C-alpha atoms as a PDB file:
ATOM      1  CA  ARG A   1      -8.881  -4.143  -5.118  1.00  0.00           C
ATOM      2  CA  GLY A   2      -6.860  -1.409  -6.825  1.00  0.00           C
ATOM      3  CA  SER A   3      -4.012  -1.912  -4.385  1.00  0.00           C
ATOM      4  CA  VAL A   4      -3.993  -5.651  -5.021  1.00  0.00           C
ATOM      5  CA  GLN A   5      -3.786  -4.921  -8.736  1.00  0.00           C
ATOM      6  CA  GLY A   6      -0.833  -2.584  -8.146  1.00  0.00           C
ATOM      7  CA  ILE A   7      -2.428   0.740  -9.014  1.00  0.00           C
ATOM      8  CA  ALA A   8       0.091   2.778  -6.975  1.00  0.00           C
ATOM      9  CA  VAL A   9       3.016   1.055  -8.684  1.00  0.00           C
ATOM     10  CA  ALA A  10       1.404   1.552 -12.090  1.00  0.00           C
ATOM     11  CA  ALA A  11       0.925   5.263 -11.379  1.00  0.00           C
ATOM     12  CA  VAL A  12       4.571   5.727 -10.380  1.00  0.00           C
ATOM     13  CA  LYS A  13       5.760   3.748 -13.404  1.00  0.00           C
ATOM     14  CA  GLN A  14       3.663   6.034 -15.619  1.00  0.00           C
ATOM     15  CA  MET A  15       5.187   9.124 -13.967  1.00  0.00           C
ATOM     16  CA  VAL A  16       8.676   7.688 -14.451  1.00  0.00           C
ATOM     17  CA  THR A  17       7.970   7.150 -18.139  1.00  0.00           C
ATOM     18  CA  THR A  18       6.165  10.426 -18.731  1.00  0.00           C
ATOM     19  CA  TYR A  19       8.587  12.652 -16.851  1.00  0.00           C
ATOM     20  CA  GLN A  20      11.789  10.717 -17.581  1.00  0.00           C
ATOM     21  CA  THR A  21      12.668  10.307 -13.913  1.00  0.00           C
ATOM     22  CA  GLN A  22      13.347   7.433 -11.529  1.00  0.00           C
ATOM     23  CA  PRO A  23      11.273   6.060  -8.614  1.00  0.00           C
ATOM     24  CA  GLU A  24      13.825   7.394  -6.112  1.00  0.00           C
ATOM     25  CA  ASN A  25      12.958  10.930  -7.295  1.00  0.00           C
ATOM     26  CA  VAL A  26       9.215  10.603  -6.666  1.00  0.00           C
ATOM     27  CA  ASP A  27       7.483  11.941  -3.554  1.00  0.00           C
ATOM     28  CA  ILE A  28       4.306  10.168  -2.437  1.00  0.00           C
ATOM     29  CA  PHE A  29       1.595  11.630  -0.195  1.00  0.00           C
ATOM     30  CA  PHE A  30      -1.088   9.285   1.114  1.00  0.00           C
ATOM     31  CA  GLY A  31      -4.480  10.773   1.888  1.00  0.00           C
ATOM     32  CA  PRO A  32      -7.228   9.430   4.145  1.00  0.00           C
ATOM     33  CA  ALA A  33      -8.098   5.786   3.635  1.00  0.00           C
ATOM     34  CA  ALA A  34      -9.536   2.891   5.582  1.00  0.00           C
ATOM     35  CA  GLY A  35      -6.910   1.474   7.896  1.00  0.00           C
ATOM     36  CA  SER A  36      -6.320  -1.770   9.710  1.00  0.00           C
ATOM     37  CA  CYS A  37      -8.565  -0.505  12.506  1.00  0.00           C
ATOM     38  CA  CYS A  38     -11.622  -0.454  10.231  1.00  0.00           C
ATOM     39  CA  TYR A  39     -10.962  -2.203   6.904  1.00  0.00           C
ATOM     40  CA  GLN A  40     -12.445  -5.628   7.562  1.00  0.00           C
ATOM     41  CA  VAL A  41     -11.920  -8.214   4.828  1.00  0.00           C
ATOM     42  CA  GLN A  42     -13.008 -11.774   4.295  1.00  0.00           C
ATOM     43  CA  PRO A  43     -10.490 -14.522   5.123  1.00  0.00           C
ATOM     44  CA  ASP A  44     -10.163 -15.534   1.461  1.00  0.00           C
ATOM     45  CA  PHE A  45      -8.816 -12.036   0.701  1.00  0.00           C
ATOM     46  CA  LYS A  46      -5.492 -13.219   2.164  1.00  0.00           C
ATOM     47  CA  ASN A  47      -5.088 -15.315  -0.969  1.00  0.00           C
ATOM     48  CA  GLU A  48      -4.796 -12.089  -2.980  1.00  0.00           C
ATOM     49  CA  ILE A  49      -1.722 -10.936  -1.025  1.00  0.00           C
ATOM     50  CA  GLU A  50       1.679 -12.605  -1.107  1.00  0.00           C
ATOM     51  CA  GLN A  51       2.331 -14.626   2.047  1.00  0.00           C
ATOM     52  CA  LYS A  52       5.510 -12.663   2.847  1.00  0.00           C
ATOM     53  CA  TYR A  53       3.388  -9.552   3.566  1.00  0.00           C
ATOM     54  CA  HIS A  54       0.723 -11.148   5.741  1.00  0.00           C
ATOM     55  CA  ASP A  55       2.291 -10.234   9.096  1.00  0.00           C
ATOM     56  CA  LEU A  56       2.688  -6.617   7.941  1.00  0.00           C
ATOM     57  CA  VAL A  57      -0.724  -5.948   6.440  1.00  0.00           C
ATOM     58  CA  PHE A  58      -3.227  -8.205   8.247  1.00  0.00           C
ATOM     59  CA  SER A  59      -4.420  -8.174  11.829  1.00  0.00           C
ATOM     60  CA  MET A  60      -7.153  -9.926  13.764  1.00  0.00           C
ATOM     61  CA  HIS A  61      -9.655  -8.117  16.007  1.00  0.00           C
ATOM     62  CA  ASP A  62     -12.430 -10.068  17.716  1.00  0.00           C
ATOM     63  CA  ASP A  63     -12.060 -12.998  15.303  1.00  0.00           C
ATOM     64  CA  ALA A  64     -12.332 -10.700  12.273  1.00  0.00           C
ATOM     65  CA  LEU A  65      -9.603 -10.063   9.698  1.00  0.00           C
ATOM     66  CA  PHE A  66      -8.490  -6.492   8.973  1.00  0.00           C
ATOM     67  CA  PHE A  67      -6.255  -5.153   6.197  1.00  0.00           C
ATOM     68  CA  ASP A  68      -3.802  -2.224   6.284  1.00  0.00           C
ATOM     69  CA  ASN A  69      -4.194  -0.859   2.773  1.00  0.00           C
ATOM     70  CA  GLY A  70      -1.788   2.046   3.334  1.00  0.00           C
ATOM     71  CA  MET A  71       0.981  -0.254   4.506  1.00  0.00           C
ATOM     72  CA  TYR A  72       0.450  -2.551   1.551  1.00  0.00           C
ATOM     73  CA  ASN A  73       0.773   0.349  -0.878  1.00  0.00           C
ATOM     74  CA  LYS A  74       3.841   1.631   0.961  1.00  0.00           C
ATOM     75  CA  ILE A  75       5.525  -1.783   0.730  1.00  0.00           C
ATOM     76  CA  GLN A  76       4.830  -1.995  -2.995  1.00  0.00           C
ATOM     77  CA  LEU A  77       6.239   1.478  -3.614  1.00  0.00           C
ATOM     78  CA  ILE A  78       9.381   0.810  -1.588  1.00  0.00           C
ATOM     79  CA  GLU A  79       9.949  -2.395  -3.543  1.00  0.00           C
ATOM     80  CA  LEU A  80       9.618  -0.363  -6.752  1.00  0.00           C
ATOM     81  CA  GLY A  81      12.424   1.897  -5.573  1.00  0.00           C
ATOM     82  CA  VAL A  82      10.650   4.822  -3.904  1.00  0.00           C
ATOM     83  CA  PRO A  83      12.612   5.588  -0.715  1.00  0.00           C
ATOM     84  CA  ALA A  84      10.569   5.220   2.467  1.00  0.00           C
ATOM     85  CA  SER A  85      11.611   8.777   3.341  1.00  0.00           C
ATOM     86  CA  HIS A  86       9.758   9.972   0.208  1.00  0.00           C
ATOM     87  CA  ILE A  87       6.446   8.463   1.327  1.00  0.00           C
ATOM     88  CA  ASN A  88       4.465  10.858   3.502  1.00  0.00           C
ATOM     89  CA  THR A  89       1.717   9.158   5.516  1.00  0.00           C
ATOM     90  CA  GLU A  90       0.976  12.123   7.802  1.00  0.00           C
ATOM     91  CA  HIS A  91      -2.517  12.521   6.313  1.00  0.00           C
ATOM     92  CA  ASN A  92      -3.242   8.803   5.966  1.00  0.00           C
ATOM     93  CA  ALA A  93      -5.833   8.878   8.727  1.00  0.00           C
ATOM     94  CA  CYS A  94      -8.633   6.379   8.724  1.00  0.00           C
END
């Protein structure tokens, strides 16, 4: 639920304010988190995510809905202005 509420964006905005920098100067490192292979959500959870992201962050496996939390956070950060090249997902294993 933190991702849906924009916690990653809020954290970067706080860093920008505190350290007088810009999002394009921030480096992000994602740690381990549940991925789309394992993070099963209820169908109504789709209502929490803007439709334009659905194809990027949701997948179906055996009639169950799964959510890619890392991808959703990455999308939000890129939209904030963090370059994709500054987002390290090497350790974002499920």
